[in-house]
Amino acid sequence: MQARAFTTTSVGWPAVRPRDTIVALTDSIRSPINRLEEPVPTITPFLWFDGRVGEAVEFYTSLFDDSALVDSSPGPDGELFMATFTLGGREFMILNGGPHYDLNPAFSMFVSVPTQAEVDHYWDALCAGGEPGRCGWLVDRFGLSWQIVPEALGTLMGDEDPVRAGRVRDAMLAMSKIDIAGLQAAYEG
């Protein structure tokens, strides 16, 4: 933004004319920060696995619509070492980095779905060979944590009536796979 020369009043305050104010505001609107001329960084979740990367990518991309392997690099043993893939249109990267780090539930994939049939589909597929948890959480056979959550949970728990919302919360806390009918029954009391 260009520096502007302003005249001052008798007390030393700038004598700003309306046109100067409009020009200054217009210049600030045109600033690179407001125009986003600078490239915006891309943020991509990066998963560290200890083996079975190819199997995991194949499984995940077969399970979700709008998913695909985008790019891959083999390791010295010929197995998939690193890959970029999409799940539901969102990009992820995965690395066969060895046993140095473990996946844990501090990072999970949150899958929000509208129907019980979709809850059942994703829960059953991801739990196969894995381990069910509480409140819609599970760990798949590769060690990655997932949350399979029906949209109804947020709607019902967000009710303005704290008693109804509390009953839904309590019902959810007692569930492993979330059951929409059970949530609705708790909501209705």
C-alpha atoms as a PDB file:
ATOM      1  CA  MET A   1       0.000   0.000   0.000  1.00  0.00           C
ATOM      2  CA  GLN A   2       1.340   3.448  -0.888  1.00  0.00           C
ATOM      3  CA  ALA A   3       2.060   5.937   1.891  1.00  0.00           C
ATOM      4  CA  ARG A   4      -0.289   8.902   1.706  1.00  0.00           C
ATOM      5  CA  ALA A   5       0.562  12.465   2.652  1.00  0.00           C
ATOM      6  CA  PHE A   6      -2.088  13.913   4.940  1.00  0.00           C
ATOM      7  CA  THR A   7      -2.353  17.444   6.224  1.00  0.00           C
ATOM      8  CA  THR A   8      -2.744  17.880   9.973  1.00  0.00           C
ATOM      9  CA  THR A   9      -5.211  19.812  12.061  1.00  0.00           C
ATOM     10  CA  SER A  10      -4.257  22.388  14.703  1.00  0.00           C
ATOM     11  CA  VAL A  11      -3.904  19.596  17.312  1.00  0.00           C
ATOM     12  CA  GLY A  12      -1.721  17.383  15.140  1.00  0.00           C
ATOM     13  CA  TRP A  13      -4.374  14.884  14.087  1.00  0.00           C
ATOM     14  CA  PRO A  14      -4.411  13.907  10.430  1.00  0.00           C
ATOM     15  CA  ALA A  15      -6.947  15.840   8.437  1.00  0.00           C
ATOM     16  CA  VAL A  16      -8.460  12.904   6.581  1.00  0.00           C
ATOM     17  CA  ARG A  17     -10.814  13.741   3.814  1.00  0.00           C
ATOM     18  CA  PRO A  18     -13.553  11.222   2.920  1.00  0.00           C
ATOM     19  CA  ARG A  19     -11.881  10.508  -0.417  1.00  0.00           C
ATOM     20  CA  ASP A  20      -8.601   9.625   1.359  1.00  0.00           C
ATOM     21  CA  THR A  21     -10.467   7.200   3.622  1.00  0.00           C
ATOM     22  CA  ILE A  22     -12.122   5.499   0.653  1.00  0.00           C
ATOM     23  CA  VAL A  23      -8.798   5.232  -1.208  1.00  0.00           C
ATOM     24  CA  ALA A  24      -7.066   3.780   1.877  1.00  0.00           C
ATOM     25  CA  LEU A  25      -9.873   1.234   2.378  1.00  0.00           C
ATOM     26  CA  THR A  26      -9.832   0.306  -1.288  1.00  0.00           C
ATOM     27  CA  ASP A  27      -6.064  -0.213  -1.152  1.00  0.00           C
ATOM     28  CA  SER A  28      -6.408  -2.475   1.894  1.00  0.00           C
ATOM     29  CA  ILE A  29      -9.100  -4.537   0.147  1.00  0.00           C
ATOM     30  CA  ARG A  30      -6.730  -4.962  -2.784  1.00  0.00           C
ATOM     31  CA  SER A  31      -3.853  -6.099  -0.555  1.00  0.00           C
ATOM     32  CA  PRO A  32      -2.383  -9.551  -1.284  1.00  0.00           C
ATOM     33  CA  ILE A  33      -3.729 -10.844   2.027  1.00  0.00           C
ATOM     34  CA  ASN A  34      -7.290 -10.062   1.028  1.00  0.00           C
ATOM     35  CA  ARG A  35      -6.896 -11.166  -2.578  1.00  0.00           C
ATOM     36  CA  LEU A  36      -5.127 -14.381  -1.671  1.00  0.00           C
ATOM     37  CA  GLU A  37      -2.520 -13.837  -4.366  1.00  0.00           C
ATOM     38  CA  GLU A  38      -0.134 -15.984  -2.367  1.00  0.00           C
ATOM     39  CA  PRO A  39      -0.559 -19.709  -2.943  1.00  0.00           C
ATOM     40  CA  VAL A  40      -2.509 -21.432  -0.208  1.00  0.00           C
ATOM     41  CA  PRO A  41      -0.630 -24.426   1.256  1.00  0.00           C
ATOM     42  CA  THR A  42      -2.054 -27.877   0.680  1.00  0.00           C
ATOM     43  CA  ILE A  43      -2.606 -29.872   3.870  1.00  0.00           C
ATOM     44  CA  THR A  44      -2.648 -33.635   3.375  1.00  0.00           C
ATOM     45  CA  PRO A  45      -2.904 -36.247   6.146  1.00  0.00           C
ATOM     46  CA  PHE A  46       0.186 -38.477   6.041  1.00  0.00           C
ATOM     47  CA  LEU A  47      -0.161 -41.991   7.493  1.00  0.00           C
ATOM     48  CA  TRP A  48       2.865 -43.958   8.759  1.00  0.00           C
ATOM     49  CA  PHE A  49       2.384 -47.720   8.467  1.00  0.00           C
ATOM     50  CA  ASP A  50       4.647 -50.630   9.357  1.00  0.00           C
ATOM     51  CA  GLY A  51       4.050 -52.850   6.320  1.00  0.00           C
ATOM     52  CA  ARG A  52       0.963 -53.824   4.312  1.00  0.00           C
ATOM     53  CA  VAL A  53       0.680 -50.398   2.680  1.00  0.00           C
ATOM     54  CA  GLY A  54      -0.410 -51.784  -0.699  1.00  0.00           C
ATOM     55  CA  GLU A  55      -3.061 -53.976   0.908  1.00  0.00           C
ATOM     56  CA  ALA A  56      -4.358 -51.058   2.993  1.00  0.00           C
ATOM     57  CA  VAL A  57      -4.603 -48.656   0.036  1.00  0.00           C
ATOM     58  CA  GLU A  58      -6.355 -51.286  -2.080  1.00  0.00           C
ATOM     59  CA  PHE A  59      -8.833 -52.006   0.718  1.00  0.00           C
ATOM     60  CA  TYR A  60      -9.595 -48.370   1.569  1.00  0.00           C
ATOM     61  CA  THR A  61     -10.016 -47.271  -2.057  1.00  0.00           C
ATOM     62  CA  SER A  62     -12.336 -50.215  -2.769  1.00  0.00           C
ATOM     63  CA  LEU A  63     -14.533 -49.362   0.223  1.00  0.00           C
ATOM     64  CA  PHE A  64     -15.295 -45.683  -0.383  1.00  0.00           C
ATOM     65  CA  ASP A  65     -16.787 -44.012  -3.467  1.00  0.00           C
ATOM     66  CA  ASP A  66     -14.710 -41.367  -5.262  1.00  0.00           C
ATOM     67  CA  SER A  67     -11.493 -43.079  -4.179  1.00  0.00           C
ATOM     68  CA  ALA A  68      -8.393 -44.087  -6.122  1.00  0.00           C
ATOM     69  CA  LEU A  69      -4.662 -44.648  -6.027  1.00  0.00           C
ATOM     70  CA  VAL A  70      -3.143 -41.432  -7.399  1.00  0.00           C
ATOM     71  CA  ASP A  71       0.588 -42.102  -7.273  1.00  0.00           C
ATOM     72  CA  SER A  72       2.889 -44.757  -5.825  1.00  0.00           C
ATOM     73  CA  SER A  73       6.548 -45.598  -5.329  1.00  0.00           C
ATOM     74  CA  PRO A  74       7.946 -49.069  -4.704  1.00  0.00           C
ATOM     75  CA  GLY A  75      10.589 -49.742  -2.067  1.00  0.00           C
ATOM     76  CA  PRO A  76      13.804 -51.722  -2.616  1.00  0.00           C
ATOM     77  CA  ASP A  77      11.896 -54.955  -1.937  1.00  0.00           C
ATOM     78  CA  GLY A  78       9.372 -54.165  -4.694  1.00  0.00           C
ATOM     79  CA  GLU A  79       6.541 -53.642  -2.183  1.00  0.00           C
ATOM     80  CA  LEU A  80       4.637 -50.369  -2.125  1.00  0.00           C
ATOM     81  CA  PHE A  81       6.750 -47.902  -0.142  1.00  0.00           C
ATOM     82  CA  MET A  82       4.829 -44.652  -0.478  1.00  0.00           C
ATOM     83  CA  ALA A  83       1.541 -43.683  -2.104  1.00  0.00           C
ATOM     84  CA  THR A  84      -0.908 -40.868  -2.583  1.00  0.00           C
ATOM     85  CA  PHE A  85      -4.557 -41.880  -2.722  1.00  0.00           C
ATOM     86  CA  THR A  86      -8.004 -40.366  -2.386  1.00  0.00           C
ATOM     87  CA  LEU A  87     -10.860 -41.461  -0.161  1.00  0.00           C
ATOM     88  CA  GLY A  88     -14.190 -39.825  -0.804  1.00  0.00           C
ATOM     89  CA  GLY A  89     -12.378 -37.230  -2.920  1.00  0.00           C
ATOM     90  CA  ARG A  90      -9.943 -36.263  -0.127  1.00  0.00           C
ATOM     91  CA  GLU A  91      -6.228 -36.810  -0.648  1.00  0.00           C
ATOM     92  CA  PHE A  92      -4.037 -38.834   1.743  1.00  0.00           C
ATOM     93  CA  MET A  93      -0.456 -40.007   1.703  1.00  0.00           C
ATOM     94  CA  ILE A  94       0.820 -43.256   3.183  1.00  0.00           C
ATOM     95  CA  LEU A  95       4.321 -44.486   3.944  1.00  0.00           C
ATOM     96  CA  ASN A  96       5.695 -47.908   4.766  1.00  0.00           C
ATOM     97  CA  GLY A  97       8.029 -46.336   7.311  1.00  0.00           C
ATOM     98  CA  GLY A  98       8.735 -49.334   9.494  1.00  0.00           C
ATOM     99  CA  PRO A  99       8.249 -49.946  13.212  1.00  0.00           C
ATOM    100  CA  HIS A 100       9.428 -46.537  14.451  1.00  0.00           C
ATOM    101  CA  TYR A 101       5.934 -45.131  15.050  1.00  0.00           C
ATOM    102  CA  ASP A 102       2.578 -46.709  15.823  1.00  0.00           C
ATOM    103  CA  LEU A 103      -0.863 -45.608  14.754  1.00  0.00           C
ATOM    104  CA  ASN A 104      -3.143 -44.856  17.710  1.00  0.00           C
ATOM    105  CA  PRO A 105      -6.645 -43.504  18.391  1.00  0.00           C
ATOM    106  CA  ALA A 106      -5.298 -39.975  18.891  1.00  0.00           C
ATOM    107  CA  PHE A 107      -5.769 -39.743  15.102  1.00  0.00           C
ATOM    108  CA  SER A 108      -8.846 -41.289  13.549  1.00  0.00           C
ATOM    109  CA  MET A 109     -10.770 -41.182  10.310  1.00  0.00           C
ATOM    110  CA  PHE A 110     -14.228 -39.719  10.976  1.00  0.00           C
ATOM    111  CA  VAL A 111     -16.885 -41.050   8.589  1.00  0.00           C
ATOM    112  CA  SER A 112     -20.248 -39.290   8.810  1.00  0.00           C
ATOM    113  CA  VAL A 113     -23.110 -41.123   7.096  1.00  0.00           C
ATOM    114  CA  PRO A 114     -26.849 -40.477   6.771  1.00  0.00           C
ATOM    115  CA  THR A 115     -28.298 -43.983   7.184  1.00  0.00           C
ATOM    116  CA  GLN A 116     -28.026 -47.035   9.406  1.00  0.00           C
ATOM    117  CA  ALA A 117     -27.329 -49.147   6.330  1.00  0.00           C
ATOM    118  CA  GLU A 118     -24.185 -47.072   5.695  1.00  0.00           C
ATOM    119  CA  VAL A 119     -23.159 -47.261   9.357  1.00  0.00           C
ATOM    120  CA  ASP A 120     -23.511 -51.059   9.141  1.00  0.00           C
ATOM    121  CA  HIS A 121     -21.654 -51.278   5.813  1.00  0.00           C
ATOM    122  CA  TYR A 122     -18.589 -49.274   6.878  1.00  0.00           C
ATOM    123  CA  TRP A 123     -18.538 -50.648  10.419  1.00  0.00           C
ATOM    124  CA  ASP A 124     -18.692 -54.270   9.289  1.00  0.00           C
ATOM    125  CA  ALA A 125     -16.080 -53.822   6.540  1.00  0.00           C
ATOM    126  CA  LEU A 126     -13.617 -51.880   8.664  1.00  0.00           C
ATOM    127  CA  CYS A 127     -14.099 -54.045  11.760  1.00  0.00           C
ATOM    128  CA  ALA A 128     -13.387 -57.275   9.833  1.00  0.00           C
ATOM    129  CA  GLY A 129     -10.047 -58.422  11.227  1.00  0.00           C
ATOM    130  CA  GLY A 130      -9.913 -55.339  13.438  1.00  0.00           C
ATOM    131  CA  GLU A 131     -11.303 -54.451  16.818  1.00  0.00           C
ATOM    132  CA  PRO A 132     -14.568 -52.711  17.707  1.00  0.00           C
ATOM    133  CA  GLY A 133     -14.409 -49.912  20.224  1.00  0.00           C
ATOM    134  CA  ARG A 134     -16.957 -47.772  22.034  1.00  0.00           C
ATOM    135  CA  CYS A 135     -19.158 -44.953  20.755  1.00  0.00           C
ATOM    136  CA  GLY A 136     -18.678 -45.686  17.049  1.00  0.00           C
ATOM    137  CA  TRP A 137     -14.881 -46.083  17.223  1.00  0.00           C
ATOM    138  CA  LEU A 138     -13.001 -49.062  15.822  1.00  0.00           C
ATOM    139  CA  VAL A 139      -9.485 -50.042  14.864  1.00  0.00           C
ATOM    140  CA  ASP A 140      -9.168 -51.717  11.465  1.00  0.00           C
ATOM    141  CA  ARG A 141      -6.921 -54.683  10.644  1.00  0.00           C
ATOM    142  CA  PHE A 142      -4.079 -52.299   9.747  1.00  0.00           C
ATOM    143  CA  GLY A 143      -4.203 -50.479  13.088  1.00  0.00           C
ATOM    144  CA  LEU A 144      -5.893 -47.297  11.824  1.00  0.00           C
ATOM    145  CA  SER A 145      -8.670 -45.885  14.035  1.00  0.00           C
ATOM    146  CA  TRP A 146     -12.023 -44.936  12.538  1.00  0.00           C
ATOM    147  CA  GLN A 147     -15.224 -43.360  13.803  1.00  0.00           C
ATOM    148  CA  ILE A 148     -18.373 -44.388  11.944  1.00  0.00           C
ATOM    149  CA  VAL A 149     -21.000 -41.868  12.967  1.00  0.00           C
ATOM    150  CA  PRO A 150     -24.557 -41.358  11.732  1.00  0.00           C
ATOM    151  CA  GLU A 151     -25.530 -37.747  11.068  1.00  0.00           C
ATOM    152  CA  ALA A 152     -28.476 -38.287  13.423  1.00  0.00           C
ATOM    153  CA  LEU A 153     -26.118 -38.389  16.410  1.00  0.00           C
ATOM    154  CA  GLY A 154     -25.154 -34.730  16.041  1.00  0.00           C
ATOM    155  CA  THR A 155     -28.722 -33.697  15.353  1.00  0.00           C
ATOM    156  CA  LEU A 156     -30.159 -35.509  18.365  1.00  0.00           C
ATOM    157  CA  MET A 157     -27.347 -34.583  20.766  1.00  0.00           C
ATOM    158  CA  GLY A 158     -27.619 -30.975  19.617  1.00  0.00           C
ATOM    159  CA  ASP A 159     -31.235 -30.697  20.759  1.00  0.00           C
ATOM    160  CA  GLU A 160     -32.007 -27.599  22.832  1.00  0.00           C
ATOM    161  CA  ASP A 161     -33.575 -29.787  25.524  1.00  0.00           C
ATOM    162  CA  PRO A 162     -30.633 -30.881  27.708  1.00  0.00           C
ATOM    163  CA  VAL A 163     -32.588 -33.843  29.092  1.00  0.00           C
ATOM    164  CA  ARG A 164     -33.243 -35.289  25.623  1.00  0.00           C
ATOM    165  CA  ALA A 165     -29.695 -34.571  24.481  1.00  0.00           C
ATOM    166  CA  GLY A 166     -28.376 -36.196  27.658  1.00  0.00           C
ATOM    167  CA  ARG A 167     -30.387 -39.357  27.070  1.00  0.00           C
ATOM    168  CA  VAL A 168     -28.965 -39.580  23.549  1.00  0.00           C
ATOM    169  CA  ARG A 169     -25.427 -39.070  24.864  1.00  0.00           C
ATOM    170  CA  ASP A 170     -25.905 -41.774  27.504  1.00  0.00           C
ATOM    171  CA  ALA A 171     -27.305 -44.193  24.913  1.00  0.00           C
ATOM    172  CA  MET A 172     -24.361 -43.519  22.590  1.00  0.00           C
ATOM    173  CA  LEU A 173     -21.861 -44.077  25.414  1.00  0.00           C
ATOM    174  CA  ALA A 174     -23.301 -47.570  25.955  1.00  0.00           C
ATOM    175  CA  MET A 175     -22.987 -48.525  22.264  1.00  0.00           C
ATOM    176  CA  SER A 176     -20.156 -50.009  20.274  1.00  0.00           C
ATOM    177  CA  LYS A 177     -21.538 -49.599  16.733  1.00  0.00           C
ATOM    178  CA  ILE A 178     -23.932 -46.656  16.845  1.00  0.00           C
ATOM    179  CA  ASP A 179     -27.564 -47.590  16.284  1.00  0.00           C
ATOM    180  CA  ILE A 180     -29.806 -44.777  15.017  1.00  0.00           C
ATOM    181  CA  ALA A 181     -33.009 -46.466  16.260  1.00  0.00           C
ATOM    182  CA  GLY A 182     -31.484 -46.754  19.737  1.00  0.00           C
ATOM    183  CA  LEU A 183     -30.520 -43.085  19.673  1.00  0.00           C
ATOM    184  CA  GLN A 184     -34.003 -42.103  18.529  1.00  0.00           C
ATOM    185  CA  ALA A 185     -35.625 -44.225  21.274  1.00  0.00           C
ATOM    186  CA  ALA A 186     -33.429 -42.549  23.905  1.00  0.00           C
ATOM    187  CA  TYR A 187     -34.282 -39.137  22.467  1.00  0.00           C
ATOM    188  CA  GLU A 188     -38.013 -39.818  22.697  1.00  0.00           C
ATOM    189  CA  GLY A 189     -37.601 -41.087  26.250  1.00  0.00           C
END
